[in-house]
N, C-alpha and C. Protein backbone atom coordinates (compact mmCIF):
# COMPACT_ATOMS: atom_id res chain seq x y z
N MET A 1 193.82 61.87 23.82
CA MET A 1 193.49 62.21 25.20
C MET A 1 192.65 63.48 25.21
N ASN A 2 191.53 63.45 25.90
CA ASN A 2 190.61 64.59 25.96
C ASN A 2 190.54 65.16 27.36
N SER A 3 191.64 65.66 27.88
CA SER A 3 191.65 66.18 29.23
C SER A 3 190.81 67.45 29.37
N ASN A 4 190.49 68.12 28.26
CA ASN A 4 189.63 69.31 28.33
C ASN A 4 188.18 68.93 28.65
N LYS A 5 187.85 67.66 28.62
CA LYS A 5 186.51 67.19 28.96
C LYS A 5 186.38 66.80 30.42
N ILE A 6 187.49 66.82 31.15
CA ILE A 6 187.49 66.41 32.55
C ILE A 6 187.31 67.65 33.43
N ILE A 7 186.22 67.66 34.18
CA ILE A 7 185.88 68.81 35.03
C ILE A 7 186.69 68.75 36.31
N THR A 8 187.45 69.81 36.57
CA THR A 8 188.21 69.87 37.82
C THR A 8 187.68 70.96 38.75
N SER A 9 187.01 71.97 38.18
CA SER A 9 186.41 73.03 38.98
C SER A 9 184.93 73.14 38.62
N LEU A 10 184.09 72.49 39.40
CA LEU A 10 182.66 72.43 39.10
C LEU A 10 182.02 73.81 39.09
N ASP A 11 182.36 74.66 40.03
CA ASP A 11 181.71 75.97 40.13
C ASP A 11 181.93 76.80 38.87
N GLN A 12 183.17 76.91 38.40
CA GLN A 12 183.44 77.68 37.19
C GLN A 12 182.79 77.03 35.97
N PHE A 13 182.84 75.72 35.91
CA PHE A 13 182.22 74.99 34.81
C PHE A 13 180.72 75.31 34.72
N LEU A 14 180.04 75.29 35.86
CA LEU A 14 178.60 75.56 35.87
C LEU A 14 178.28 76.98 35.42
N ILE A 15 179.09 77.93 35.81
CA ILE A 15 178.90 79.31 35.36
C ILE A 15 178.98 79.37 33.84
N ASP A 16 179.96 78.68 33.29
CA ASP A 16 180.17 78.70 31.84
C ASP A 16 179.04 78.03 31.07
N ILE A 17 178.58 76.86 31.51
CA ILE A 17 177.57 76.15 30.70
C ILE A 17 176.15 76.65 30.95
N LYS A 18 175.86 77.13 32.13
CA LYS A 18 174.49 77.56 32.41
C LYS A 18 174.14 78.88 31.73
N LYS A 19 175.13 79.70 31.43
CA LYS A 19 174.83 80.97 30.77
C LYS A 19 174.30 80.75 29.35
N ASP A 20 174.61 79.60 28.75
CA ASP A 20 174.14 79.28 27.40
C ASP A 20 172.80 78.56 27.39
N LYS A 21 172.19 78.36 28.54
CA LYS A 21 170.87 77.71 28.65
C LYS A 21 170.85 76.32 28.02
N ASN A 22 171.90 75.57 28.24
CA ASN A 22 172.00 74.21 27.70
C ASN A 22 171.09 73.25 28.45
N ASN A 23 170.57 72.25 27.74
CA ASN A 23 169.89 71.13 28.38
C ASN A 23 170.96 70.16 28.83
N ILE A 24 171.09 70.02 30.13
CA ILE A 24 172.16 69.20 30.70
C ILE A 24 171.61 67.83 31.08
N VAL A 25 172.31 66.80 30.62
CA VAL A 25 171.98 65.41 30.95
C VAL A 25 173.07 64.92 31.90
N PHE A 26 172.67 64.29 32.98
CA PHE A 26 173.61 63.82 34.00
C PHE A 26 173.38 62.34 34.24
N THR A 27 174.45 61.57 34.27
CA THR A 27 174.39 60.19 34.70
C THR A 27 175.64 59.89 35.50
N ASN A 28 175.63 58.78 36.20
CA ASN A 28 176.78 58.45 37.04
C ASN A 28 176.93 56.95 37.18
N GLY A 29 178.10 56.55 37.65
CA GLY A 29 178.34 55.15 37.91
C GLY A 29 179.81 54.89 38.16
N CYS A 30 180.14 53.62 38.35
CA CYS A 30 181.54 53.21 38.56
C CYS A 30 182.26 53.11 37.22
N PHE A 31 181.58 52.63 36.20
CA PHE A 31 182.15 52.47 34.86
C PHE A 31 183.46 51.71 34.90
N ASP A 32 183.46 50.64 35.69
CA ASP A 32 184.62 49.77 35.79
C ASP A 32 184.54 48.77 34.64
N LEU A 33 185.60 48.61 33.89
CA LEU A 33 185.63 47.78 32.69
C LEU A 33 184.50 48.18 31.73
N LEU A 34 184.66 49.31 31.11
CA LEU A 34 183.67 49.87 30.19
C LEU A 34 183.23 48.82 29.17
N HIS A 35 181.92 48.60 29.05
CA HIS A 35 181.40 47.57 28.16
C HIS A 35 180.22 48.09 27.34
N GLU A 36 179.69 47.26 26.47
CA GLU A 36 178.63 47.65 25.55
C GLU A 36 177.38 48.17 26.28
N GLY A 37 177.07 47.64 27.44
CA GLY A 37 175.93 48.13 28.21
C GLY A 37 176.14 49.58 28.64
N HIS A 38 177.35 49.90 29.08
CA HIS A 38 177.66 51.29 29.43
C HIS A 38 177.52 52.19 28.21
N LEU A 39 178.09 51.74 27.09
CA LEU A 39 178.06 52.55 25.87
C LEU A 39 176.62 52.82 25.42
N HIS A 40 175.78 51.81 25.52
CA HIS A 40 174.36 51.96 25.15
C HIS A 40 173.70 53.04 26.03
N LEU A 41 173.89 52.94 27.33
CA LEU A 41 173.29 53.92 28.25
C LEU A 41 173.78 55.32 27.93
N LEU A 42 175.07 55.48 27.71
CA LEU A 42 175.63 56.81 27.46
C LEU A 42 175.15 57.39 26.13
N LYS A 43 175.07 56.57 25.10
CA LYS A 43 174.58 57.05 23.80
C LYS A 43 173.13 57.50 23.90
N GLU A 44 172.31 56.70 24.59
CA GLU A 44 170.90 57.06 24.76
C GLU A 44 170.75 58.32 25.61
N ALA A 45 171.56 58.45 26.63
CA ALA A 45 171.52 59.63 27.49
C ALA A 45 171.86 60.88 26.69
N LYS A 46 172.85 60.80 25.85
CA LYS A 46 173.28 61.96 25.07
C LYS A 46 172.16 62.47 24.16
N LYS A 47 171.31 61.59 23.68
CA LYS A 47 170.21 61.98 22.79
C LYS A 47 169.20 62.90 23.48
N LEU A 48 169.22 62.96 24.80
CA LEU A 48 168.23 63.72 25.56
C LEU A 48 168.54 65.21 25.69
N GLY A 49 169.78 65.61 25.43
CA GLY A 49 170.10 67.01 25.66
C GLY A 49 171.34 67.48 24.93
N ASP A 50 171.79 68.66 25.31
CA ASP A 50 172.93 69.30 24.65
C ASP A 50 174.26 68.84 25.23
N ILE A 51 174.31 68.66 26.53
CA ILE A 51 175.56 68.34 27.22
C ILE A 51 175.35 67.11 28.10
N LEU A 52 176.19 66.10 27.90
CA LEU A 52 176.16 64.91 28.75
C LEU A 52 177.33 64.96 29.72
N ILE A 53 177.00 65.00 31.00
CA ILE A 53 177.99 64.97 32.07
C ILE A 53 177.93 63.59 32.72
N VAL A 54 179.08 62.94 32.80
CA VAL A 54 179.16 61.62 33.42
C VAL A 54 179.98 61.75 34.70
N ALA A 55 179.37 61.40 35.82
CA ALA A 55 180.05 61.42 37.12
C ALA A 55 180.52 60.00 37.44
N VAL A 56 181.75 59.89 37.89
CA VAL A 56 182.38 58.59 38.11
C VAL A 56 182.80 58.46 39.57
N ASN A 57 182.41 57.34 40.19
CA ASN A 57 182.85 57.07 41.56
C ASN A 57 184.36 56.94 41.61
N ASP A 58 184.99 57.58 42.60
CA ASP A 58 186.43 57.41 42.75
C ASP A 58 186.74 55.99 43.26
N ASP A 59 188.01 55.64 43.31
CA ASP A 59 188.39 54.26 43.64
C ASP A 59 187.91 53.84 45.03
N ALA A 60 188.02 54.72 46.01
CA ALA A 60 187.60 54.37 47.38
C ALA A 60 186.09 54.12 47.44
N SER A 61 185.29 54.92 46.75
CA SER A 61 183.84 54.70 46.81
C SER A 61 183.45 53.44 46.04
N VAL A 62 184.17 53.10 44.97
CA VAL A 62 183.89 51.83 44.27
C VAL A 62 184.16 50.66 45.22
N LYS A 63 185.25 50.73 45.94
CA LYS A 63 185.57 49.66 46.90
C LYS A 63 184.46 49.51 47.94
N ARG A 64 183.96 50.63 48.45
CA ARG A 64 182.89 50.58 49.45
C ARG A 64 181.61 49.98 48.85
N LEU A 65 181.33 50.30 47.59
CA LEU A 65 180.09 49.84 46.96
C LEU A 65 180.17 48.43 46.38
N LYS A 66 181.33 48.07 45.84
CA LYS A 66 181.45 46.83 45.07
C LYS A 66 182.33 45.77 45.72
N GLY A 67 183.08 46.15 46.74
CA GLY A 67 183.94 45.17 47.40
C GLY A 67 185.41 45.48 47.17
N ILE A 68 186.26 44.83 47.96
CA ILE A 68 187.67 45.18 47.99
C ILE A 68 188.42 44.84 46.70
N ALA A 69 187.88 43.93 45.90
CA ALA A 69 188.56 43.57 44.65
C ALA A 69 188.29 44.57 43.52
N ARG A 70 187.48 45.57 43.79
CA ARG A 70 187.13 46.56 42.77
C ARG A 70 187.64 47.92 43.20
N PRO A 71 187.88 48.82 42.31
CA PRO A 71 187.68 48.71 40.86
C PRO A 71 188.81 47.90 40.20
N ILE A 72 188.52 47.39 39.04
CA ILE A 72 189.54 46.69 38.25
C ILE A 72 190.49 47.73 37.64
N GLU A 73 189.92 48.80 37.12
CA GLU A 73 190.72 49.87 36.52
C GLU A 73 190.68 51.10 37.42
N SER A 74 191.77 51.83 37.45
CA SER A 74 191.87 53.02 38.31
C SER A 74 190.94 54.13 37.83
N LEU A 75 190.69 55.06 38.71
CA LEU A 75 189.87 56.22 38.37
C LEU A 75 190.42 56.95 37.15
N ALA A 76 191.72 57.15 37.11
CA ALA A 76 192.33 57.87 35.99
C ALA A 76 192.03 57.18 34.65
N ILE A 77 192.12 55.87 34.63
CA ILE A 77 191.85 55.12 33.39
C ILE A 77 190.36 55.18 33.05
N ARG A 78 189.49 55.01 34.05
CA ARG A 78 188.05 55.04 33.80
C ARG A 78 187.61 56.40 33.27
N ILE A 79 188.13 57.46 33.87
CA ILE A 79 187.78 58.82 33.42
C ILE A 79 188.28 59.06 32.00
N GLN A 80 189.49 58.64 31.71
CA GLN A 80 190.04 58.88 30.38
C GLN A 80 189.27 58.13 29.31
N LYS A 81 188.89 56.89 29.59
CA LYS A 81 188.10 56.12 28.62
C LYS A 81 186.78 56.83 28.33
N LEU A 82 186.13 57.34 29.35
CA LEU A 82 184.86 58.05 29.16
C LEU A 82 185.08 59.35 28.40
N ALA A 83 186.12 60.08 28.75
CA ALA A 83 186.42 61.35 28.07
C ALA A 83 186.74 61.13 26.60
N ASP A 84 187.26 59.97 26.26
CA ASP A 84 187.59 59.67 24.87
C ASP A 84 186.37 59.36 24.00
N LEU A 85 185.22 59.15 24.61
CA LEU A 85 184.00 58.86 23.84
C LEU A 85 183.43 60.16 23.26
N ASN A 86 183.13 60.16 21.98
CA ASN A 86 182.66 61.40 21.35
C ASN A 86 181.27 61.83 21.82
N PHE A 87 180.49 60.94 22.38
CA PHE A 87 179.15 61.31 22.84
C PHE A 87 179.12 61.70 24.32
N VAL A 88 180.25 61.67 24.99
CA VAL A 88 180.38 62.16 26.36
C VAL A 88 181.02 63.54 26.29
N ASP A 89 180.34 64.54 26.85
CA ASP A 89 180.86 65.90 26.79
C ASP A 89 181.81 66.22 27.94
N TYR A 90 181.46 65.78 29.15
CA TYR A 90 182.28 66.08 30.32
C TYR A 90 182.24 64.93 31.30
N VAL A 91 183.33 64.78 32.04
CA VAL A 91 183.45 63.74 33.05
C VAL A 91 183.94 64.39 34.34
N ILE A 92 183.36 63.96 35.46
CA ILE A 92 183.78 64.47 36.76
C ILE A 92 183.77 63.29 37.74
N SER A 93 184.69 63.30 38.69
CA SER A 93 184.70 62.23 39.69
C SER A 93 184.10 62.73 40.99
N PHE A 94 183.67 61.77 41.81
CA PHE A 94 183.17 62.11 43.14
C PHE A 94 183.58 61.02 44.11
N SER A 95 183.74 61.41 45.38
CA SER A 95 184.26 60.48 46.38
C SER A 95 183.18 59.93 47.31
N GLU A 96 182.02 60.53 47.29
CA GLU A 96 180.93 60.05 48.14
C GLU A 96 180.34 58.77 47.52
N ASP A 97 179.50 58.08 48.28
CA ASP A 97 178.87 56.86 47.75
C ASP A 97 177.80 57.19 46.72
N THR A 98 177.23 58.38 46.80
CA THR A 98 176.23 58.81 45.81
C THR A 98 176.63 60.19 45.27
N PRO A 99 176.12 60.53 44.10
CA PRO A 99 176.46 61.84 43.52
C PRO A 99 175.49 62.95 43.93
N LEU A 100 174.82 62.80 45.07
CA LEU A 100 173.80 63.76 45.47
C LEU A 100 174.30 65.20 45.45
N GLN A 101 175.49 65.45 45.98
CA GLN A 101 176.00 66.83 46.02
C GLN A 101 176.20 67.39 44.61
N LEU A 102 176.70 66.57 43.69
CA LEU A 102 176.86 67.02 42.31
C LEU A 102 175.52 67.33 41.67
N ILE A 103 174.55 66.46 41.87
CA ILE A 103 173.23 66.66 41.28
C ILE A 103 172.59 67.94 41.82
N GLN A 104 172.74 68.17 43.12
CA GLN A 104 172.22 69.40 43.73
C GLN A 104 172.82 70.64 43.07
N LYS A 105 174.12 70.61 42.83
CA LYS A 105 174.79 71.77 42.24
C LYS A 105 174.46 71.92 40.75
N ILE A 106 174.45 70.82 40.02
CA ILE A 106 174.26 70.87 38.57
C ILE A 106 172.80 71.11 38.20
N GLN A 107 171.88 70.51 38.94
CA GLN A 107 170.44 70.60 38.65
C GLN A 107 170.17 70.33 37.16
N PRO A 108 170.43 69.09 36.73
CA PRO A 108 170.32 68.76 35.31
C PRO A 108 168.89 68.81 34.78
N THR A 109 168.80 68.96 33.47
CA THR A 109 167.51 68.86 32.80
C THR A 109 167.03 67.42 32.87
N TYR A 110 167.95 66.48 32.64
CA TYR A 110 167.66 65.05 32.73
C TYR A 110 168.65 64.37 33.65
N LEU A 111 168.13 63.54 34.54
CA LEU A 111 168.92 62.65 35.37
C LEU A 111 168.66 61.25 34.83
N VAL A 112 169.70 60.57 34.38
CA VAL A 112 169.56 59.29 33.68
C VAL A 112 170.19 58.16 34.50
N LYS A 113 169.46 57.06 34.61
CA LYS A 113 169.97 55.85 35.25
C LYS A 113 169.61 54.65 34.38
N GLY A 114 170.28 53.54 34.65
CA GLY A 114 170.01 52.31 33.93
C GLY A 114 168.76 51.62 34.45
N GLY A 115 168.26 50.67 33.66
CA GLY A 115 167.02 49.96 33.95
C GLY A 115 167.04 49.10 35.19
N ASP A 116 168.16 48.99 35.87
CA ASP A 116 168.20 48.26 37.13
C ASP A 116 167.76 49.14 38.30
N TYR A 117 167.37 50.38 38.01
CA TYR A 117 166.86 51.31 39.03
C TYR A 117 165.38 51.56 38.81
N SER A 118 164.67 51.81 39.91
CA SER A 118 163.31 52.31 39.81
C SER A 118 163.36 53.78 40.19
N ILE A 119 162.33 54.52 39.81
CA ILE A 119 162.29 55.97 40.08
C ILE A 119 162.55 56.27 41.55
N ASP A 120 161.92 55.53 42.46
CA ASP A 120 162.07 55.86 43.88
C ASP A 120 163.46 55.53 44.43
N GLU A 121 164.29 54.79 43.69
CA GLU A 121 165.65 54.49 44.13
C GLU A 121 166.67 55.53 43.66
N ILE A 122 166.25 56.44 42.80
CA ILE A 122 167.20 57.36 42.18
C ILE A 122 167.51 58.52 43.12
N ILE A 123 168.77 58.59 43.49
CA ILE A 123 169.26 59.64 44.38
C ILE A 123 169.28 60.98 43.62
N GLY A 124 168.77 62.02 44.26
CA GLY A 124 168.84 63.37 43.69
C GLY A 124 167.75 63.71 42.69
N LYS A 125 166.76 62.84 42.55
CA LYS A 125 165.71 63.08 41.55
C LYS A 125 164.96 64.39 41.76
N GLU A 126 164.92 64.86 42.99
CA GLU A 126 164.21 66.10 43.28
C GLU A 126 164.94 67.34 42.76
N PHE A 127 166.20 67.16 42.33
CA PHE A 127 166.98 68.29 41.82
C PHE A 127 167.09 68.30 40.30
N ALA A 128 166.39 67.37 39.64
CA ALA A 128 166.42 67.30 38.18
C ALA A 128 165.02 67.61 37.65
N GLU A 129 164.97 68.20 36.47
CA GLU A 129 163.68 68.49 35.85
C GLU A 129 162.98 67.23 35.39
N ASN A 130 163.75 66.26 34.87
CA ASN A 130 163.20 65.01 34.33
C ASN A 130 164.07 63.84 34.76
N ILE A 131 163.43 62.69 34.91
CA ILE A 131 164.14 61.45 35.21
C ILE A 131 163.92 60.52 34.02
N LYS A 132 164.99 59.88 33.58
CA LYS A 132 164.88 58.93 32.47
C LYS A 132 165.61 57.65 32.84
N ILE A 133 164.90 56.55 32.75
CA ILE A 133 165.51 55.24 32.98
C ILE A 133 165.69 54.58 31.63
N ILE A 134 166.94 54.22 31.33
CA ILE A 134 167.29 53.58 30.06
C ILE A 134 167.32 52.07 30.28
N PRO A 135 166.54 51.31 29.52
CA PRO A 135 166.56 49.85 29.68
C PRO A 135 167.98 49.29 29.48
N LEU A 136 168.32 48.31 30.30
CA LEU A 136 169.64 47.69 30.20
C LEU A 136 169.72 46.81 28.96
N LEU A 137 170.91 46.67 28.43
CA LEU A 137 171.16 45.69 27.37
C LEU A 137 171.37 44.35 28.06
N GLU A 138 170.60 43.36 27.69
CA GLU A 138 170.73 42.04 28.31
C GLU A 138 172.12 41.46 28.06
N GLY A 139 172.66 40.85 29.10
CA GLY A 139 173.92 40.14 28.96
C GLY A 139 175.17 40.98 29.14
N PHE A 140 175.01 42.25 29.49
CA PHE A 140 176.18 43.11 29.66
C PHE A 140 176.19 43.70 31.06
N SER A 141 177.16 43.28 31.85
CA SER A 141 177.39 43.89 33.16
C SER A 141 178.86 43.68 33.52
N THR A 142 179.39 44.56 34.31
CA THR A 142 180.78 44.43 34.72
C THR A 142 180.97 43.17 35.55
N THR A 143 180.03 42.87 36.43
CA THR A 143 180.13 41.67 37.27
C THR A 143 180.18 40.41 36.40
N GLN A 144 179.32 40.36 35.36
CA GLN A 144 179.34 39.21 34.45
C GLN A 144 180.66 39.15 33.69
N LYS A 145 181.16 40.29 33.27
CA LYS A 145 182.41 40.34 32.52
C LYS A 145 183.57 39.82 33.38
N ILE A 146 183.63 40.25 34.63
CA ILE A 146 184.68 39.80 35.54
C ILE A 146 184.56 38.29 35.75
N ALA A 147 183.34 37.80 35.95
CA ALA A 147 183.14 36.35 36.16
C ALA A 147 183.59 35.55 34.95
N SER A 148 183.31 36.06 33.74
CA SER A 148 183.70 35.32 32.53
C SER A 148 185.22 35.33 32.35
N LEU A 149 185.89 36.38 32.80
CA LEU A 149 187.35 36.45 32.68
C LEU A 149 188.02 35.46 33.65
N LYS A 150 187.34 35.12 34.74
CA LYS A 150 187.91 34.22 35.73
C LYS A 150 187.77 32.75 35.33
N LYS A 151 186.92 32.46 34.33
CA LYS A 151 186.67 31.07 33.93
C LYS A 151 187.85 30.49 33.19
């Protein structure tokens, strides 16, 4: 268990990491039923900088975005799975539908999204130095995984 990777006080965390002039990479998502597509995106994101911060939608915002049957796994489980990955440095949750407030505060060097986004769809891009879209791995999505489990 890597609870030291879970950010609970963003303001103090930012004071600590910004003083070292780190290149911060930020990405976000629901990360419901962590799969190979998620792992690919996170590994590629980590290559861009010193610190990878992953923001995770809380359970209520996943329900609003994905429907009442989601999330499959609770926020606590999703955060812990991400924190257990050696290429993820920090994990933080958010309750809004988008991570705009976090991006505004963090002002990352890189804001990373998956290939299902275009530049103009990326929330908070004006607060990041660089935007990077990572191509999706074909055949890997949570929706597909859930559908295959129901067969």
